[in-house]
């Protein structure tokens, strides 16, 4: 929860602060006065760069799955998994590494036992370790039903949030792109859930995600998709009104207009300071913004 709050604060303030700083730094080197177009392009570049950073951080923060802990391929058969666990046990058994390694060993042992049961392995590949706590689940249909119910929470909350913002906001193309992202994300998640498991002869990879993360499973790709959806939704909401202003909405939303006015006012002040004290800069025009 704390991480989500800091992420939201970052998206709310970091792009504006960095945009202001960059324009303040670049202003003496511009041959024209700073215009709203400069602000829009710089703001879009900052948001997209911040988005790339967040996506990179999210991709690296994904915990390893049981196959990665055992150092085997997700397509491995039972024999390879058993051999990998024996190797793991020789290295990380609590008798060898001490009590501090007990939690890891117990977790991997429980995962190893699940991977040897076809239906539980099928469920783990799609829904992760949480689905293994379902004691009444026996068949793949049982696991699928429970997993889909668990997955609905994210989509229900996301859908309600989209409806809420559509209800309180003005009609714009941003809403269309939010809903497009939402349905694309939902369809991608269903595709991952109903794709063959890596151990299946019919498995052909999890689309483009497998090219970047070949050892990850469907549930890990789904968690990354959740983060992608959130990041892209925020980026679209912040970039689109600035980069493609709607004339019927006075070019900026009220919040962005206020932020842009403050930033451009600061740039004007820097403009004047540069004109009076920096004779070595490139020529600066004195037209007001």
Protein backbone atom coordinates (compact mmCIF):
# COMPACT_ATOMS: atom_id res chain seq x y z
CA UNK A 1 0.00 0.00 0.00
CA UNK A 2 2.82 2.40 0.92
CA UNK A 3 4.60 1.69 -2.34
CA UNK A 4 1.40 2.41 -4.29
CA UNK A 5 0.97 5.75 -2.49
CA UNK A 6 4.55 6.78 -3.26
CA UNK A 7 4.07 5.71 -6.87
CA UNK A 8 0.93 7.84 -7.15
CA UNK A 9 2.72 10.82 -5.58
CA UNK A 10 5.57 10.29 -8.00
CA UNK A 11 3.25 10.38 -10.99
CA UNK A 12 1.53 13.47 -9.57
CA UNK A 13 4.59 15.64 -8.87
CA UNK A 14 7.77 14.25 -10.44
CA UNK A 15 6.87 14.93 -14.12
CA UNK A 16 5.90 18.56 -13.38
CA UNK A 17 9.03 19.16 -11.30
CA UNK A 18 11.38 17.64 -13.89
CA UNK A 19 9.64 19.47 -16.74
CA UNK A 20 10.06 22.77 -14.90
CA UNK A 21 13.73 22.05 -14.20
CA UNK A 22 14.52 21.03 -17.78
CA UNK A 23 12.83 24.07 -19.31
CA UNK A 24 14.54 26.35 -16.82
CA UNK A 25 17.90 24.83 -17.75
CA UNK A 26 17.27 24.85 -21.51
CA UNK A 27 15.74 28.32 -21.76
CA UNK A 28 19.03 30.26 -22.24
CA UNK A 29 19.95 28.02 -25.16
CA UNK A 30 16.67 28.40 -27.04
CA UNK A 31 16.48 30.80 -29.96
CA UNK A 32 12.78 31.40 -29.37
CA UNK A 33 10.73 32.16 -26.28
CA UNK A 34 9.39 29.19 -24.34
CA UNK A 35 5.91 28.40 -25.61
CA UNK A 36 3.19 25.97 -24.53
CA UNK A 37 4.45 23.65 -27.28
CA UNK A 38 7.82 23.42 -25.54
CA UNK A 39 6.03 22.57 -22.33
CA UNK A 40 3.90 19.89 -24.00
CA UNK A 41 6.78 18.14 -25.72
CA UNK A 42 9.04 18.28 -22.66
CA UNK A 43 6.28 17.09 -20.37
CA UNK A 44 5.49 14.15 -22.70
CA UNK A 45 9.18 13.19 -22.86
CA UNK A 46 9.48 13.31 -19.07
CA UNK A 47 6.36 11.21 -18.48
CA UNK A 48 7.36 8.60 -21.05
CA UNK A 49 10.87 8.42 -19.54
CA UNK A 50 9.40 8.03 -16.06
CA UNK A 51 7.08 5.35 -17.43
CA UNK A 52 10.04 3.46 -18.91
CA UNK A 53 11.86 3.62 -15.57
CA UNK A 54 8.83 2.30 -13.68
CA UNK A 55 8.35 -0.54 -16.16
CA UNK A 56 12.01 -1.51 -15.91
CA UNK A 57 11.84 -1.47 -12.11
CA UNK A 58 8.62 -3.52 -12.12
CA UNK A 59 10.11 -6.13 -14.45
CA UNK A 60 13.12 -6.60 -12.17
CA UNK A 61 11.13 -6.74 -8.93
CA UNK A 62 9.17 -9.90 -9.83
CA UNK A 63 10.02 -12.69 -7.32
CA UNK A 64 11.38 -15.93 -8.84
CA UNK A 65 9.05 -18.87 -9.42
CA UNK A 66 9.68 -22.43 -8.20
CA UNK A 67 11.31 -23.44 -11.48
CA UNK A 68 13.77 -20.55 -11.22
CA UNK A 69 14.56 -21.41 -7.60
CA UNK A 70 15.24 -25.00 -8.64
CA UNK A 71 17.19 -23.78 -11.68
CA UNK A 72 15.20 -25.81 -14.20
CA UNK A 73 13.13 -24.93 -17.24
CA UNK A 74 9.33 -24.65 -16.79
CA UNK A 75 9.09 -27.32 -19.50
CA UNK A 76 11.08 -29.85 -17.43
CA UNK A 77 9.60 -33.28 -16.74
CA UNK A 78 9.26 -34.86 -13.29
CA UNK A 79 12.68 -36.53 -13.48
CA UNK A 80 14.52 -33.24 -14.03
CA UNK A 81 12.52 -31.55 -11.27
CA UNK A 82 13.35 -34.32 -8.79
CA UNK A 83 17.04 -34.14 -9.67
CA UNK A 84 16.99 -30.34 -9.33
CA UNK A 85 15.36 -30.55 -5.91
CA UNK A 86 17.96 -33.02 -4.67
CA UNK A 87 20.67 -30.59 -5.75
CA UNK A 88 18.83 -27.72 -4.09
CA UNK A 89 18.40 -29.71 -0.85
CA UNK A 90 22.11 -30.51 -0.69
CA UNK A 91 22.95 -26.82 -0.95
CA UNK A 92 20.21 -25.16 1.08
CA UNK A 93 19.03 -27.67 3.66
CA UNK A 94 18.74 -26.01 7.11
CA UNK A 95 21.25 -28.54 8.48
CA UNK A 96 23.81 -27.04 6.10
CA UNK A 97 22.95 -23.33 5.97
CA UNK A 98 21.44 -22.95 9.44
CA UNK A 99 17.97 -21.98 10.73
CA UNK A 100 17.88 -18.81 8.65
CA UNK A 101 17.46 -20.94 5.52
CA UNK A 102 14.53 -22.96 6.89
CA UNK A 103 11.79 -20.74 5.45
CA UNK A 104 13.23 -20.84 1.96
CA UNK A 105 13.72 -24.58 2.09
CA UNK A 106 10.16 -25.24 3.32
CA UNK A 107 8.70 -22.98 0.63
CA UNK A 108 10.66 -24.65 -2.17
CA UNK A 109 9.86 -28.13 -0.85
CA UNK A 110 6.14 -27.35 -0.88
CA UNK A 111 6.49 -25.97 -4.39
CA UNK A 112 8.41 -29.07 -5.46
CA UNK A 113 5.63 -31.30 -4.14
CA UNK A 114 3.05 -29.24 -6.04
CA UNK A 115 5.01 -29.47 -9.29
CA UNK A 116 4.91 -33.26 -9.11
CA UNK A 117 1.09 -33.25 -9.13
CA UNK A 118 -0.15 -32.46 -12.68
CA UNK A 119 -3.30 -30.54 -11.71
CA UNK A 120 -1.57 -28.47 -9.03
CA UNK A 121 1.31 -27.76 -11.38
CA UNK A 122 -1.20 -26.65 -14.04
CA UNK A 123 -2.81 -24.31 -11.50
CA UNK A 124 0.49 -22.94 -10.19
CA UNK A 125 1.68 -22.06 -13.69
CA UNK A 126 -1.40 -19.84 -14.13
CA UNK A 127 -2.26 -18.43 -10.72
CA UNK A 128 0.88 -18.67 -8.61
CA UNK A 129 1.47 -19.98 -5.13
CA UNK A 130 -1.77 -18.61 -3.64
CA UNK A 131 -3.89 -21.09 -5.58
CA UNK A 132 -2.08 -24.01 -3.90
CA UNK A 133 -3.81 -23.19 -0.60
CA UNK A 134 -7.15 -24.31 -2.07
CA UNK A 135 -7.67 -27.62 -0.24
CA UNK A 136 -10.99 -28.44 -1.89
CA UNK A 137 -9.61 -27.96 -5.41
CA UNK A 138 -8.81 -31.28 -7.10
CA UNK A 139 -9.38 -30.99 -10.84
CA UNK A 140 -8.18 -28.36 -13.28
CA UNK A 141 -11.75 -27.05 -13.46
CA UNK A 142 -11.75 -26.56 -9.68
CA UNK A 143 -8.48 -24.63 -9.77
CA UNK A 144 -9.60 -22.58 -12.77
CA UNK A 145 -12.83 -21.52 -11.09
CA UNK A 146 -11.06 -20.49 -7.89
CA UNK A 147 -8.30 -18.71 -9.79
CA UNK A 148 -10.72 -16.73 -11.95
CA UNK A 149 -12.62 -15.58 -8.87
CA UNK A 150 -9.36 -14.40 -7.30
CA UNK A 151 -8.42 -12.57 -10.51
CA UNK A 152 -11.72 -10.74 -10.80
CA UNK A 153 -10.90 -8.39 -7.93
CA UNK A 154 -8.35 -6.40 -9.92
CA UNK A 155 -10.65 -6.05 -12.93
CA UNK A 156 -13.67 -5.07 -10.88
CA UNK A 157 -11.76 -2.34 -9.05
CA UNK A 158 -10.16 -1.13 -12.30
CA UNK A 159 -13.51 -1.08 -14.11
CA UNK A 160 -15.20 0.85 -11.30
CA UNK A 161 -12.32 3.34 -11.26
CA UNK A 162 -12.71 3.91 -15.02
CA UNK A 163 -16.45 4.47 -14.63
CA UNK A 164 -15.86 6.87 -11.75
CA UNK A 165 -13.36 8.99 -13.66
CA UNK A 166 -15.63 8.98 -16.71
CA UNK A 167 -18.54 10.17 -14.58
CA UNK A 168 -16.71 13.06 -12.90
CA UNK A 169 -14.61 14.10 -15.90
CA UNK A 170 -15.46 15.77 -19.17
CA UNK A 171 -15.89 13.76 -22.33
CA UNK A 172 -12.55 13.38 -24.13
CA UNK A 173 -10.48 10.97 -26.16
CA UNK A 174 -8.52 10.05 -23.02
CA UNK A 175 -11.47 8.03 -21.72
CA UNK A 176 -11.58 6.06 -24.96
CA UNK A 177 -7.91 5.11 -24.66
CA UNK A 178 -8.35 4.14 -21.00
CA UNK A 179 -11.13 1.72 -21.92
CA UNK A 180 -9.10 0.41 -24.86
CA UNK A 181 -6.20 -0.34 -22.51
CA UNK A 182 -8.58 -1.98 -20.06
CA UNK A 183 -10.12 -4.38 -22.58
CA UNK A 184 -6.77 -5.15 -24.21
CA UNK A 185 -5.33 -5.99 -20.81
CA UNK A 186 -8.33 -8.15 -19.93
CA UNK A 187 -8.10 -10.06 -23.23
CA UNK A 188 -4.34 -10.56 -22.78
CA UNK A 189 -4.84 -11.99 -19.30
CA UNK A 190 -7.49 -14.45 -20.51
CA UNK A 191 -5.14 -15.51 -23.31
CA UNK A 192 -2.40 -16.27 -20.79
CA UNK A 193 -4.73 -18.20 -18.49
CA UNK A 194 -6.07 -20.43 -21.26
CA UNK A 195 -2.75 -21.00 -23.03
CA UNK A 196 -1.07 -24.42 -22.70
CA UNK A 197 1.37 -24.90 -19.82
CA UNK A 198 5.11 -24.86 -20.60
CA UNK A 199 5.24 -28.60 -19.90
CA UNK A 200 2.54 -29.26 -22.52
CA UNK A 201 3.57 -30.45 -26.01
CA UNK A 202 1.29 -27.73 -27.44
CA UNK A 203 3.09 -24.91 -25.65
CA UNK A 204 4.53 -22.30 -28.01
CA UNK A 205 5.42 -19.53 -25.61
CA UNK A 206 3.46 -16.74 -23.96
CA UNK A 207 3.56 -14.45 -26.99
CA UNK A 208 6.05 -11.57 -26.91
CA UNK A 209 6.49 -11.70 -23.14
CA UNK A 210 8.33 -15.01 -23.42
CA UNK A 211 10.95 -13.39 -25.63
CA UNK A 212 11.94 -11.04 -22.81
CA UNK A 213 11.26 -13.37 -19.85
CA UNK A 214 11.59 -16.97 -21.11
CA UNK A 215 11.58 -18.60 -17.65
CA UNK A 216 8.55 -16.78 -16.27
CA UNK A 217 5.10 -18.23 -15.96
CA UNK A 218 1.63 -16.98 -16.85
CA UNK A 219 0.90 -15.61 -13.37
CA UNK A 220 4.13 -13.57 -13.43
CA UNK A 221 3.28 -12.16 -16.85
CA UNK A 222 -0.20 -11.30 -15.57
CA UNK A 223 1.20 -9.38 -12.62
CA UNK A 224 3.43 -7.45 -14.99
CA UNK A 225 0.41 -6.74 -17.20
CA UNK A 226 -1.41 -5.33 -14.18
CA UNK A 227 1.46 -2.92 -13.62
CA UNK A 228 1.64 -2.09 -17.32
CA UNK A 229 -2.06 -1.28 -17.32
CA UNK A 230 -1.74 1.03 -14.33
CA UNK A 231 1.35 2.79 -15.67
CA UNK A 232 -0.03 3.24 -19.19
CA UNK A 233 -3.37 4.46 -17.85
CA UNK A 234 -1.62 7.12 -15.79
CA UNK A 235 0.67 8.04 -18.67
CA UNK A 236 -2.25 8.40 -21.09
CA UNK A 237 -4.19 10.47 -18.57
CA UNK A 238 -1.26 12.80 -18.04
CA UNK A 239 0.27 13.01 -21.51
CA UNK A 240 -2.76 13.10 -23.83
CA UNK A 241 -4.41 16.27 -22.46
CA UNK A 242 -1.07 18.10 -22.64
CA UNK A 243 0.31 16.77 -25.92
CA UNK A 244 -3.05 16.84 -27.75
CA UNK A 245 -5.08 19.58 -26.07
CA UNK A 246 -8.80 19.66 -26.73
CA UNK A 247 -9.93 23.10 -27.89
CA UNK A 248 -13.37 22.52 -26.44
CA UNK A 249 -11.72 21.97 -23.06
CA UNK A 250 -9.60 25.15 -23.12
CA UNK A 251 -6.52 23.25 -24.24
CA UNK A 252 -5.71 21.90 -20.74
CA UNK A 253 -7.66 20.35 -17.95
CA UNK A 254 -7.92 22.75 -14.96
CA UNK A 255 -5.21 20.99 -12.98
CA UNK A 256 -2.79 20.82 -15.89
CA UNK A 257 -3.57 24.41 -16.86
CA UNK A 258 -2.72 25.59 -13.37
CA UNK A 259 0.49 23.58 -13.34
CA UNK A 260 1.48 24.83 -16.77
CA UNK A 261 0.79 28.45 -15.76
CA UNK A 262 2.97 28.16 -12.66
CA UNK A 263 5.80 26.53 -14.58
CA UNK A 264 5.68 29.02 -17.43
CA UNK A 265 5.57 31.91 -14.96
CA UNK A 266 8.73 30.58 -13.31
CA UNK A 267 10.36 30.31 -16.71
CA UNK A 268 9.49 33.96 -17.39
CA UNK A 269 11.29 34.98 -14.21
CA UNK A 270 14.32 32.93 -15.16
CA UNK A 271 14.11 34.55 -18.59
CA UNK A 272 14.47 37.99 -17.09
CA UNK A 273 17.35 36.93 -14.87
CA UNK A 274 19.18 35.43 -17.81
CA UNK A 275 18.67 38.60 -19.85
CA UNK A 276 20.20 40.81 -17.17
CA UNK A 277 23.04 38.67 -15.83
CA UNK A 278 24.15 36.19 -18.50
CA UNK A 279 25.65 38.01 -21.45
CA UNK A 280 27.56 34.90 -22.56
CA UNK A 281 24.43 32.88 -23.38
CA UNK A 282 23.09 32.45 -26.86
CA UNK A 283 20.88 35.34 -28.04
CA UNK A 284 17.55 35.40 -26.21
CA UNK A 285 14.41 36.99 -27.54
CA UNK A 286 12.54 39.25 -25.16
CA UNK A 287 9.00 38.65 -26.38
CA UNK A 288 6.61 37.80 -23.50
CA UNK A 289 5.18 34.22 -23.38
